[in-house]
Amino acid sequence: MNLRTALRDDLRAEHEQLDDLMGEYDLTTEEGLRALLTCHYGVWSRIDGKDPKTKQALSSRCEALSADLAVLGSPVEENTEELLQLNDDAINYMASGAQLGTVMLSKQWKNADNPTVLAAHHFFDIPTNPGQWRELCAKLSEIPKDSDYAKEVLEDALRIYKLFEVESQAFNG
């Protein structure tokens, strides 16, 4: 088995739980959209990678989330905690997958009739890059599941899933 298959199969329950958590938010309301964006900001602002492209992608994502939260009257406080240094492939796998999932969420958001909700569009405007996703999946498919590198990627992807769970619970009580 390869790393791509392991990420999909071994973390299926976490993926489904995350989909369920994200699906609970009513993105046509300020409260629901704020909850989703706060959860995402709480995750992506706490992690860092080594690769400059990963760092830039995380920074851009956090800037979009911050801009939208400001539109909703909830400016973010800068994270003063030490960033979690995670594997770049784990970050890119989770971020690319999350962005593909955001396409589905944006369909609900586009149905809002609240102009403030619709003005908070920066996060939904982050482009998906299916080619990049395919390239990453192809790369991960070449890595044996039982390698030390694969174990690191799996562990860090699981850490990101757990961060989403914690951030979602923190906002929802």
N, C-alpha and C. Protein backbone atom coordinates (compact mmCIF):
# COMPACT_ATOMS: atom_id res chain seq x y z
N MET A 1 0.85 -1.18 0.00
CA MET A 1 0.00 0.00 0.00
C MET A 1 0.90 1.24 0.00
N ASN A 2 0.43 2.29 -0.66
CA ASN A 2 1.21 3.52 -0.73
C ASN A 2 0.62 4.60 0.20
N LEU A 3 1.35 5.69 0.33
CA LEU A 3 0.95 6.76 1.23
C LEU A 3 -0.37 7.40 0.83
N ARG A 4 -0.59 7.61 -0.45
CA ARG A 4 -1.87 8.22 -0.88
C ARG A 4 -3.05 7.37 -0.46
N THR A 5 -2.95 6.08 -0.67
CA THR A 5 -4.02 5.17 -0.28
C THR A 5 -4.18 5.15 1.24
N ALA A 6 -3.06 5.17 1.95
CA ALA A 6 -3.12 5.18 3.42
C ALA A 6 -3.79 6.45 3.94
N LEU A 7 -3.47 7.58 3.35
CA LEU A 7 -4.12 8.84 3.78
C LEU A 7 -5.62 8.75 3.58
N ARG A 8 -6.03 8.21 2.46
CA ARG A 8 -7.45 8.09 2.16
C ARG A 8 -8.13 7.06 3.05
N ASP A 9 -7.53 5.89 3.16
CA ASP A 9 -8.19 4.79 3.86
C ASP A 9 -8.02 4.86 5.38
N ASP A 10 -6.79 5.08 5.84
CA ASP A 10 -6.53 5.06 7.28
C ASP A 10 -7.14 6.25 8.01
N LEU A 11 -7.34 7.36 7.29
CA LEU A 11 -7.90 8.56 7.92
C LEU A 11 -9.33 8.84 7.44
N ARG A 12 -9.98 7.82 6.91
CA ARG A 12 -11.35 7.99 6.40
C ARG A 12 -12.31 8.48 7.48
N ALA A 13 -12.24 7.91 8.67
CA ALA A 13 -13.15 8.30 9.75
C ALA A 13 -12.94 9.77 10.13
N GLU A 14 -11.70 10.19 10.20
CA GLU A 14 -11.41 11.59 10.52
C GLU A 14 -11.91 12.52 9.42
N HIS A 15 -11.74 12.10 8.18
CA HIS A 15 -12.21 12.89 7.04
C HIS A 15 -13.73 13.03 7.09
N GLU A 16 -14.42 11.93 7.33
CA GLU A 16 -15.87 11.98 7.40
C GLU A 16 -16.34 12.84 8.57
N GLN A 17 -15.65 12.74 9.70
CA GLN A 17 -15.99 13.58 10.86
C GLN A 17 -15.81 15.06 10.52
N LEU A 18 -14.72 15.39 9.84
CA LEU A 18 -14.48 16.78 9.46
C LEU A 18 -15.56 17.26 8.49
N ASP A 19 -15.91 16.45 7.52
CA ASP A 19 -16.99 16.82 6.60
C ASP A 19 -18.28 17.07 7.37
N ASP A 20 -18.58 16.22 8.34
CA ASP A 20 -19.79 16.40 9.15
C ASP A 20 -19.73 17.70 9.95
N LEU A 21 -18.56 17.98 10.55
CA LEU A 21 -18.41 19.22 11.33
C LEU A 21 -18.62 20.45 10.45
N MET A 22 -17.99 20.45 9.28
CA MET A 22 -18.10 21.61 8.39
C MET A 22 -19.52 21.74 7.84
N GLY A 23 -20.20 20.64 7.67
CA GLY A 23 -21.55 20.65 7.14
C GLY A 23 -22.59 21.17 8.14
N GLU A 24 -22.22 21.27 9.41
CA GLU A 24 -23.15 21.75 10.44
C GLU A 24 -23.35 23.27 10.40
N TYR A 25 -22.45 23.98 9.77
CA TYR A 25 -22.53 25.44 9.77
C TYR A 25 -23.50 25.93 8.70
N ASP A 26 -24.36 26.85 9.08
CA ASP A 26 -25.27 27.49 8.12
C ASP A 26 -24.53 28.68 7.53
N LEU A 27 -24.01 28.51 6.35
CA LEU A 27 -23.15 29.53 5.74
C LEU A 27 -23.94 30.66 5.11
N THR A 28 -25.25 30.64 5.24
CA THR A 28 -26.06 31.76 4.75
C THR A 28 -26.29 32.78 5.85
N THR A 29 -25.80 32.51 7.06
CA THR A 29 -25.94 33.44 8.18
C THR A 29 -24.57 33.93 8.62
N GLU A 30 -24.54 35.10 9.19
CA GLU A 30 -23.28 35.63 9.70
C GLU A 30 -22.70 34.72 10.78
N GLU A 31 -23.55 34.21 11.66
CA GLU A 31 -23.08 33.36 12.75
C GLU A 31 -22.46 32.07 12.22
N GLY A 32 -23.14 31.43 11.30
CA GLY A 32 -22.62 30.18 10.75
C GLY A 32 -21.34 30.37 9.97
N LEU A 33 -21.30 31.40 9.15
CA LEU A 33 -20.10 31.67 8.37
C LEU A 33 -18.94 32.04 9.30
N ARG A 34 -19.23 32.86 10.31
CA ARG A 34 -18.20 33.24 11.28
C ARG A 34 -17.62 32.00 11.96
N ALA A 35 -18.49 31.06 12.32
CA ALA A 35 -18.03 29.84 12.99
C ALA A 35 -17.09 29.04 12.08
N LEU A 36 -17.48 28.86 10.83
CA LEU A 36 -16.65 28.12 9.89
C LEU A 36 -15.30 28.80 9.69
N LEU A 37 -15.34 30.10 9.43
CA LEU A 37 -14.10 30.83 9.17
C LEU A 37 -13.19 30.87 10.39
N THR A 38 -13.78 31.02 11.57
CA THR A 38 -13.00 31.03 12.81
C THR A 38 -12.33 29.69 13.03
N CYS A 39 -13.05 28.63 12.76
CA CYS A 39 -12.48 27.29 12.88
C CYS A 39 -11.29 27.13 11.93
N HIS A 40 -11.48 27.49 10.68
CA HIS A 40 -10.39 27.36 9.71
C HIS A 40 -9.20 28.25 10.09
N TYR A 41 -9.47 29.47 10.50
CA TYR A 41 -8.37 30.35 10.89
C TYR A 41 -7.61 29.77 12.08
N GLY A 42 -8.36 29.21 13.02
CA GLY A 42 -7.73 28.62 14.20
C GLY A 42 -6.80 27.47 13.87
N VAL A 43 -7.10 26.77 12.80
CA VAL A 43 -6.23 25.66 12.37
C VAL A 43 -5.05 26.19 11.57
N TRP A 44 -5.35 26.89 10.48
CA TRP A 44 -4.29 27.26 9.53
C TRP A 44 -3.31 28.27 10.10
N SER A 45 -3.73 29.07 11.07
CA SER A 45 -2.82 30.06 11.67
C SER A 45 -1.89 29.44 12.70
N ARG A 46 -2.09 28.18 13.04
CA ARG A 46 -1.29 27.53 14.07
C ARG A 46 -0.23 26.60 13.52
N ILE A 47 -0.20 26.43 12.19
CA ILE A 47 0.75 25.47 11.64
C ILE A 47 1.70 26.15 10.66
N ASP A 48 2.83 25.50 10.44
CA ASP A 48 3.83 26.02 9.51
C ASP A 48 4.57 24.85 8.90
N GLY A 49 5.07 25.06 7.72
CA GLY A 49 5.89 24.08 7.02
C GLY A 49 7.28 24.64 6.79
N LYS A 50 8.07 23.90 6.07
CA LYS A 50 9.44 24.32 5.78
C LYS A 50 9.55 24.95 4.39
N ASP A 51 8.79 24.43 3.45
CA ASP A 51 8.88 24.87 2.06
C ASP A 51 8.30 26.27 1.91
N PRO A 52 9.00 27.18 1.20
CA PRO A 52 8.48 28.53 1.00
C PRO A 52 7.09 28.56 0.34
N LYS A 53 6.83 27.63 -0.58
CA LYS A 53 5.51 27.60 -1.23
C LYS A 53 4.42 27.24 -0.22
N THR A 54 4.71 26.32 0.67
CA THR A 54 3.75 25.95 1.72
C THR A 54 3.51 27.13 2.63
N LYS A 55 4.59 27.80 3.04
CA LYS A 55 4.47 28.96 3.92
C LYS A 55 3.61 30.05 3.27
N GLN A 56 3.83 30.30 1.98
CA GLN A 56 3.07 31.32 1.26
C GLN A 56 1.61 30.94 1.16
N ALA A 57 1.34 29.67 0.88
CA ALA A 57 -0.05 29.21 0.77
C ALA A 57 -0.78 29.35 2.10
N LEU A 58 -0.10 29.01 3.20
CA LEU A 58 -0.72 29.18 4.52
C LEU A 58 -0.96 30.64 4.83
N SER A 59 0.00 31.49 4.50
CA SER A 59 -0.15 32.92 4.74
C SER A 59 -1.31 33.50 3.95
N SER A 60 -1.41 33.12 2.67
CA SER A 60 -2.51 33.62 1.83
C SER A 60 -3.86 33.15 2.36
N ARG A 61 -3.92 31.90 2.79
CA ARG A 61 -5.16 31.35 3.34
C ARG A 61 -5.56 32.13 4.60
N CYS A 62 -4.61 32.38 5.48
CA CYS A 62 -4.90 33.11 6.72
C CYS A 62 -5.30 34.56 6.43
N GLU A 63 -4.68 35.17 5.44
CA GLU A 63 -5.06 36.54 5.07
C GLU A 63 -6.50 36.58 4.56
N ALA A 64 -6.89 35.60 3.75
CA ALA A 64 -8.26 35.55 3.24
C ALA A 64 -9.25 35.35 4.38
N LEU A 65 -8.94 34.44 5.28
CA LEU A 65 -9.81 34.18 6.42
C LEU A 65 -9.92 35.42 7.31
N SER A 66 -8.79 36.06 7.55
CA SER A 66 -8.78 37.27 8.38
C SER A 66 -9.62 38.38 7.75
N ALA A 67 -9.49 38.56 6.45
CA ALA A 67 -10.27 39.59 5.75
C ALA A 67 -11.77 39.31 5.87
N ASP A 68 -12.16 38.06 5.71
CA ASP A 68 -13.58 37.71 5.81
C ASP A 68 -14.09 37.89 7.23
N LEU A 69 -13.31 37.50 8.20
CA LEU A 69 -13.74 37.67 9.59
C LEU A 69 -13.87 39.16 9.94
N ALA A 70 -13.01 39.99 9.37
CA ALA A 70 -13.14 41.44 9.59
C ALA A 70 -14.44 41.96 8.98
N VAL A 71 -14.79 41.47 7.79
CA VAL A 71 -16.06 41.85 7.16
C VAL A 71 -17.23 41.50 8.08
N LEU A 72 -17.11 40.38 8.77
CA LEU A 72 -18.17 39.92 9.66
C LEU A 72 -18.10 40.56 11.05
N GLY A 73 -17.18 41.51 11.22
CA GLY A 73 -17.07 42.20 12.50
C GLY A 73 -16.35 41.41 13.57
N SER A 74 -15.53 40.46 13.16
CA SER A 74 -14.79 39.62 14.09
C SER A 74 -13.31 39.58 13.73
N PRO A 75 -12.63 40.71 13.89
CA PRO A 75 -11.21 40.71 13.53
C PRO A 75 -10.45 39.68 14.36
N VAL A 76 -9.48 39.05 13.74
CA VAL A 76 -8.72 38.01 14.43
C VAL A 76 -7.59 38.63 15.24
N GLU A 77 -7.26 37.92 16.29
CA GLU A 77 -6.08 38.29 17.07
C GLU A 77 -4.91 37.49 16.52
N GLU A 78 -3.79 38.14 16.40
CA GLU A 78 -2.62 37.45 15.88
C GLU A 78 -2.25 36.31 16.80
N ASN A 79 -1.92 35.17 16.22
CA ASN A 79 -1.51 34.01 16.99
C ASN A 79 -0.16 34.28 17.63
N THR A 80 -0.10 34.15 18.94
CA THR A 80 1.18 34.37 19.64
C THR A 80 1.79 33.04 20.09
N GLU A 81 1.09 31.94 19.84
CA GLU A 81 1.63 30.63 20.18
C GLU A 81 2.70 30.23 19.18
N GLU A 82 3.59 29.36 19.62
CA GLU A 82 4.57 28.82 18.70
C GLU A 82 3.85 27.98 17.66
N LEU A 83 4.23 28.15 16.41
CA LEU A 83 3.60 27.41 15.33
C LEU A 83 4.01 25.94 15.36
N LEU A 84 3.08 25.09 15.02
CA LEU A 84 3.39 23.67 14.91
C LEU A 84 4.11 23.45 13.58
N GLN A 85 5.30 22.93 13.63
CA GLN A 85 6.07 22.64 12.43
C GLN A 85 5.66 21.26 11.93
N LEU A 86 4.94 21.24 10.83
CA LEU A 86 4.43 19.99 10.29
C LEU A 86 5.02 19.70 8.92
N ASN A 87 4.88 18.48 8.51
CA ASN A 87 5.38 18.03 7.22
C ASN A 87 4.65 18.77 6.09
N ASP A 88 5.39 19.27 5.12
CA ASP A 88 4.81 20.04 4.02
C ASP A 88 3.80 19.22 3.21
N ASP A 89 4.10 17.95 2.97
CA ASP A 89 3.15 17.14 2.20
C ASP A 89 1.85 16.93 2.98
N ALA A 90 1.93 16.80 4.29
CA ALA A 90 0.71 16.67 5.10
C ALA A 90 -0.09 17.96 5.03
N ILE A 91 0.58 19.09 5.15
CA ILE A 91 -0.10 20.39 5.08
C ILE A 91 -0.75 20.56 3.70
N ASN A 92 0.01 20.29 2.65
CA ASN A 92 -0.50 20.49 1.30
C ASN A 92 -1.64 19.53 0.99
N TYR A 93 -1.55 18.31 1.47
CA TYR A 93 -2.62 17.34 1.28
C TYR A 93 -3.90 17.84 1.95
N MET A 94 -3.79 18.27 3.19
CA MET A 94 -4.95 18.73 3.93
C MET A 94 -5.49 20.05 3.37
N ALA A 95 -4.61 20.98 3.03
CA ALA A 95 -5.06 22.27 2.52
C ALA A 95 -5.70 22.13 1.14
N SER A 96 -5.10 21.33 0.28
CA SER A 96 -5.68 21.12 -1.06
C SER A 96 -7.02 20.41 -0.96
N GLY A 97 -7.07 19.41 -0.11
CA GLY A 97 -8.34 18.71 0.10
C GLY A 97 -9.40 19.61 0.69
N ALA A 98 -8.99 20.44 1.64
CA ALA A 98 -9.94 21.38 2.25
C ALA A 98 -10.45 22.37 1.22
N GLN A 99 -9.59 22.80 0.32
CA GLN A 99 -10.03 23.76 -0.68
C GLN A 99 -11.00 23.13 -1.67
N LEU A 100 -10.77 21.88 -1.99
CA LEU A 100 -11.73 21.18 -2.84
C LEU A 100 -13.08 21.05 -2.12
N GLY A 101 -13.04 20.81 -0.82
CA GLY A 101 -14.26 20.75 -0.02
C GLY A 101 -14.95 22.09 0.08
N THR A 102 -14.17 23.15 0.06
CA THR A 102 -14.73 24.50 0.14
C THR A 102 -15.59 24.81 -1.08
N VAL A 103 -15.27 24.22 -2.20
CA VAL A 103 -16.09 24.40 -3.39
C VAL A 103 -17.53 23.95 -3.10
N MET A 104 -17.65 22.84 -2.41
CA MET A 104 -18.98 22.33 -2.05
C MET A 104 -19.67 23.28 -1.06
N LEU A 105 -18.91 23.76 -0.07
CA LEU A 105 -19.48 24.66 0.92
C LEU A 105 -19.91 25.99 0.30
N SER A 106 -19.17 26.43 -0.70
CA SER A 106 -19.49 27.72 -1.32
C SER A 106 -20.86 27.73 -1.98
N LYS A 107 -21.33 26.56 -2.38
CA LYS A 107 -22.66 26.49 -2.99
C LYS A 107 -23.73 26.92 -2.00
N GLN A 108 -23.59 26.53 -0.74
CA GLN A 108 -24.53 26.97 0.29
C GLN A 108 -24.36 28.48 0.54
N TRP A 109 -23.10 28.91 0.66
CA TRP A 109 -22.81 30.32 0.95
C TRP A 109 -23.39 31.24 -0.12
N LYS A 110 -23.32 30.82 -1.39
CA LYS A 110 -23.83 31.64 -2.50
C LYS A 110 -25.34 31.84 -2.43
N ASN A 111 -26.03 31.02 -1.65
CA ASN A 111 -27.49 31.15 -1.50
C ASN A 111 -27.89 32.16 -0.43
N ALA A 112 -26.92 32.78 0.20
CA ALA A 112 -27.22 33.76 1.25
C ALA A 112 -27.89 34.98 0.63
N ASP A 113 -28.80 35.59 1.39
CA ASP A 113 -29.39 36.85 0.95
C ASP A 113 -28.90 38.01 1.81
N ASN A 114 -27.96 37.73 2.69
CA ASN A 114 -27.38 38.74 3.57
C ASN A 114 -26.14 39.33 2.87
N PRO A 115 -26.16 40.64 2.57
CA PRO A 115 -25.03 41.24 1.85
C PRO A 115 -23.71 41.16 2.63
N THR A 116 -23.77 41.17 3.95
CA THR A 116 -22.54 41.05 4.74
C THR A 116 -21.93 39.68 4.56
N VAL A 117 -22.77 38.66 4.57
CA VAL A 117 -22.28 37.29 4.35
C VAL A 117 -21.64 37.19 2.97
N LEU A 118 -22.30 37.71 1.97
CA LEU A 118 -21.77 37.63 0.60
C LEU A 118 -20.52 38.47 0.41
N ALA A 119 -20.34 39.51 1.22
CA ALA A 119 -19.13 40.33 1.13
C ALA A 119 -17.91 39.61 1.70
N ALA A 120 -18.15 38.59 2.49
CA ALA A 120 -17.06 37.79 3.06
C ALA A 120 -16.73 36.66 2.09
N HIS A 121 -16.07 37.01 1.01
CA HIS A 121 -15.87 36.07 -0.10
C HIS A 121 -14.43 35.63 -0.30
N HIS A 122 -13.48 36.20 0.43
CA HIS A 122 -12.07 35.94 0.15
C HIS A 122 -11.68 34.47 0.29
N PHE A 123 -12.18 33.83 1.34
CA PHE A 123 -11.85 32.41 1.55
C PHE A 123 -12.41 31.56 0.41
N PHE A 124 -13.62 31.86 -0.01
CA PHE A 124 -14.24 31.10 -1.09
C PHE A 124 -13.60 31.42 -2.44
N ASP A 125 -12.91 32.54 -2.53
CA ASP A 125 -12.25 32.93 -3.77
C ASP A 125 -10.88 32.29 -3.96
N ILE A 126 -10.36 31.63 -2.92
CA ILE A 126 -9.07 30.96 -3.08
C ILE A 126 -9.24 29.91 -4.17
N PRO A 127 -8.44 30.00 -5.21
CA PRO A 127 -8.65 29.07 -6.33
C PRO A 127 -8.27 27.63 -5.97
N THR A 128 -9.04 26.71 -6.48
CA THR A 128 -8.64 25.32 -6.39
C THR A 128 -7.68 25.05 -7.54
N ASN A 129 -6.82 24.10 -7.33
CA ASN A 129 -5.86 23.76 -8.36
C ASN A 129 -5.87 22.24 -8.53
N PRO A 130 -6.83 21.73 -9.32
CA PRO A 130 -6.92 20.27 -9.49
C PRO A 130 -5.63 19.65 -10.00
N GLY A 131 -4.87 20.36 -10.82
CA GLY A 131 -3.60 19.84 -11.32
C GLY A 131 -2.61 19.64 -10.19
N GLN A 132 -2.56 20.60 -9.28
CA GLN A 132 -1.67 20.49 -8.13
C GLN A 132 -2.09 19.32 -7.24
N TRP A 133 -3.40 19.15 -7.05
CA TRP A 133 -3.92 18.04 -6.26
C TRP A 133 -3.51 16.70 -6.89
N ARG A 134 -3.67 16.59 -8.20
CA ARG A 134 -3.31 15.35 -8.90
C ARG A 134 -1.80 15.08 -8.78
N GLU A 135 -0.99 16.13 -8.93
CA GLU A 135 0.46 15.97 -8.81
C GLU A 135 0.85 15.51 -7.41
N LEU A 136 0.22 16.10 -6.40
CA LEU A 136 0.51 15.71 -5.02
C LEU A 136 0.10 14.25 -4.79
N CYS A 137 -1.08 13.88 -5.26
CA CYS A 137 -1.54 12.50 -5.09
C CYS A 137 -0.62 11.52 -5.82
N ALA A 138 -0.15 11.90 -7.00
CA ALA A 138 0.78 11.04 -7.74
C ALA A 138 2.09 10.88 -6.96
N LYS A 139 2.58 11.97 -6.40
CA LYS A 139 3.81 11.91 -5.60
C LYS A 139 3.61 11.00 -4.40
N LEU A 140 2.49 11.17 -3.68
CA LEU A 140 2.23 10.38 -2.49
C LEU A 140 2.02 8.90 -2.83
N SER A 141 1.55 8.63 -4.04
CA SER A 141 1.34 7.25 -4.48
C SER A 141 2.65 6.50 -4.70
N GLU A 142 3.73 7.24 -4.85
CA GLU A 142 5.05 6.62 -5.05
C GLU A 142 5.75 6.29 -3.73
N ILE A 143 5.18 6.71 -2.61
CA ILE A 143 5.84 6.53 -1.31
C ILE A 143 5.21 5.33 -0.59
N PRO A 144 6.02 4.35 -0.21
CA PRO A 144 5.48 3.19 0.51
C PRO A 144 4.89 3.59 1.86
N LYS A 145 3.76 2.99 2.18
CA LYS A 145 3.05 3.33 3.43
C LYS A 145 3.90 3.06 4.67
N ASP A 146 4.75 2.04 4.61
CA ASP A 146 5.50 1.66 5.80
C ASP A 146 6.82 2.42 5.97
N SER A 147 7.07 3.40 5.12
CA SER A 147 8.31 4.19 5.25
C SER A 147 8.17 5.19 6.41
N ASP A 148 9.31 5.60 6.93
CA ASP A 148 9.30 6.60 8.01
C ASP A 148 8.66 7.90 7.53
N TYR A 149 8.94 8.25 6.28
CA TYR A 149 8.36 9.49 5.74
C TYR A 149 6.85 9.40 5.71
N ALA A 150 6.31 8.28 5.27
CA ALA A 150 4.86 8.10 5.21
C ALA A 150 4.25 8.19 6.61
N LYS A 151 4.91 7.60 7.58
CA LYS A 151 4.42 7.66 8.96
C LYS A 151 4.35 9.10 9.45
N GLU A 152 5.36 9.89 9.09
CA GLU A 152 5.37 11.31 9.48
C GLU A 152 4.21 12.07 8.83
N VAL A 153 4.00 11.85 7.55
CA VAL A 153 2.92 12.52 6.84
C VAL A 153 1.57 12.12 7.44
N LEU A 154 1.37 10.84 7.69
CA LEU A 154 0.12 10.37 8.28
C LEU A 154 -0.11 10.98 9.66
N GLU A 155 0.93 11.00 10.47
CA GLU A 155 0.81 11.58 11.82
C GLU A 155 0.47 13.06 11.76
N ASP A 156 1.11 13.79 10.86
CA ASP A 156 0.85 15.23 10.77
C ASP A 156 -0.52 15.52 10.16
N ALA A 157 -0.95 14.72 9.21
CA ALA A 157 -2.31 14.89 8.68
C ALA A 157 -3.33 14.65 9.78
N LEU A 158 -3.10 13.63 10.60
CA LEU A 158 -3.99 13.35 11.72
C LEU A 158 -3.98 14.52 12.71
N ARG A 159 -2.83 15.12 12.93
CA ARG A 159 -2.75 16.30 13.82
C ARG A 159 -3.61 17.44 13.29
N ILE A 160 -3.63 17.62 11.99
CA ILE A 160 -4.45 18.68 11.40
C ILE A 160 -5.93 18.36 11.58
N TYR A 161 -6.30 17.12 11.35
CA TYR A 161 -7.70 16.72 11.59
C TYR A 161 -8.09 17.00 13.04
N LYS A 162 -7.20 16.67 13.97
CA LYS A 162 -7.49 16.89 15.40
C LYS A 162 -7.60 18.38 15.71
N LEU A 163 -6.78 19.20 15.05
CA LEU A 163 -6.88 20.65 15.24
C LEU A 163 -8.26 21.15 14.81
N PHE A 164 -8.77 20.64 13.70
CA PHE A 164 -10.11 21.03 13.26
C PHE A 164 -11.15 20.64 14.30
N GLU A 165 -11.00 19.46 14.87
CA GLU A 165 -11.95 19.01 15.88
C GLU A 165 -11.91 19.93 17.11
N VAL A 166 -10.71 20.25 17.57
CA VAL A 166 -10.54 21.13 18.74
C VAL A 166 -11.09 22.52 18.45
N GLU A 167 -10.74 23.08 17.30
CA GLU A 167 -11.20 24.44 16.96
C GLU A 167 -12.71 24.49 16.80
N SER A 168 -13.28 23.48 16.23
CA SER A 168 -14.74 23.43 16.07
C SER A 168 -15.42 23.38 17.43
N GLN A 169 -14.90 22.56 18.33
CA GLN A 169 -15.47 22.45 19.67
C GLN A 169 -15.27 23.73 20.46
N ALA A 170 -14.13 24.38 20.28
CA ALA A 170 -13.85 25.62 21.01
C ALA A 170 -14.85 26.71 20.64
N PHE A 171 -15.21 26.77 19.38
CA PHE A 171 -16.14 27.81 18.95
C PHE A 171 -17.57 27.45 19.31
N ASN A 172 -17.91 26.18 19.21
CA ASN A 172 -19.28 25.75 19.44
C ASN A 172 -19.58 25.38 20.89
N GLY A 173 -18.55 25.44 21.73
CA GLY A 173 -18.74 25.12 23.14
C GLY A 173 -18.82 23.67 23.29
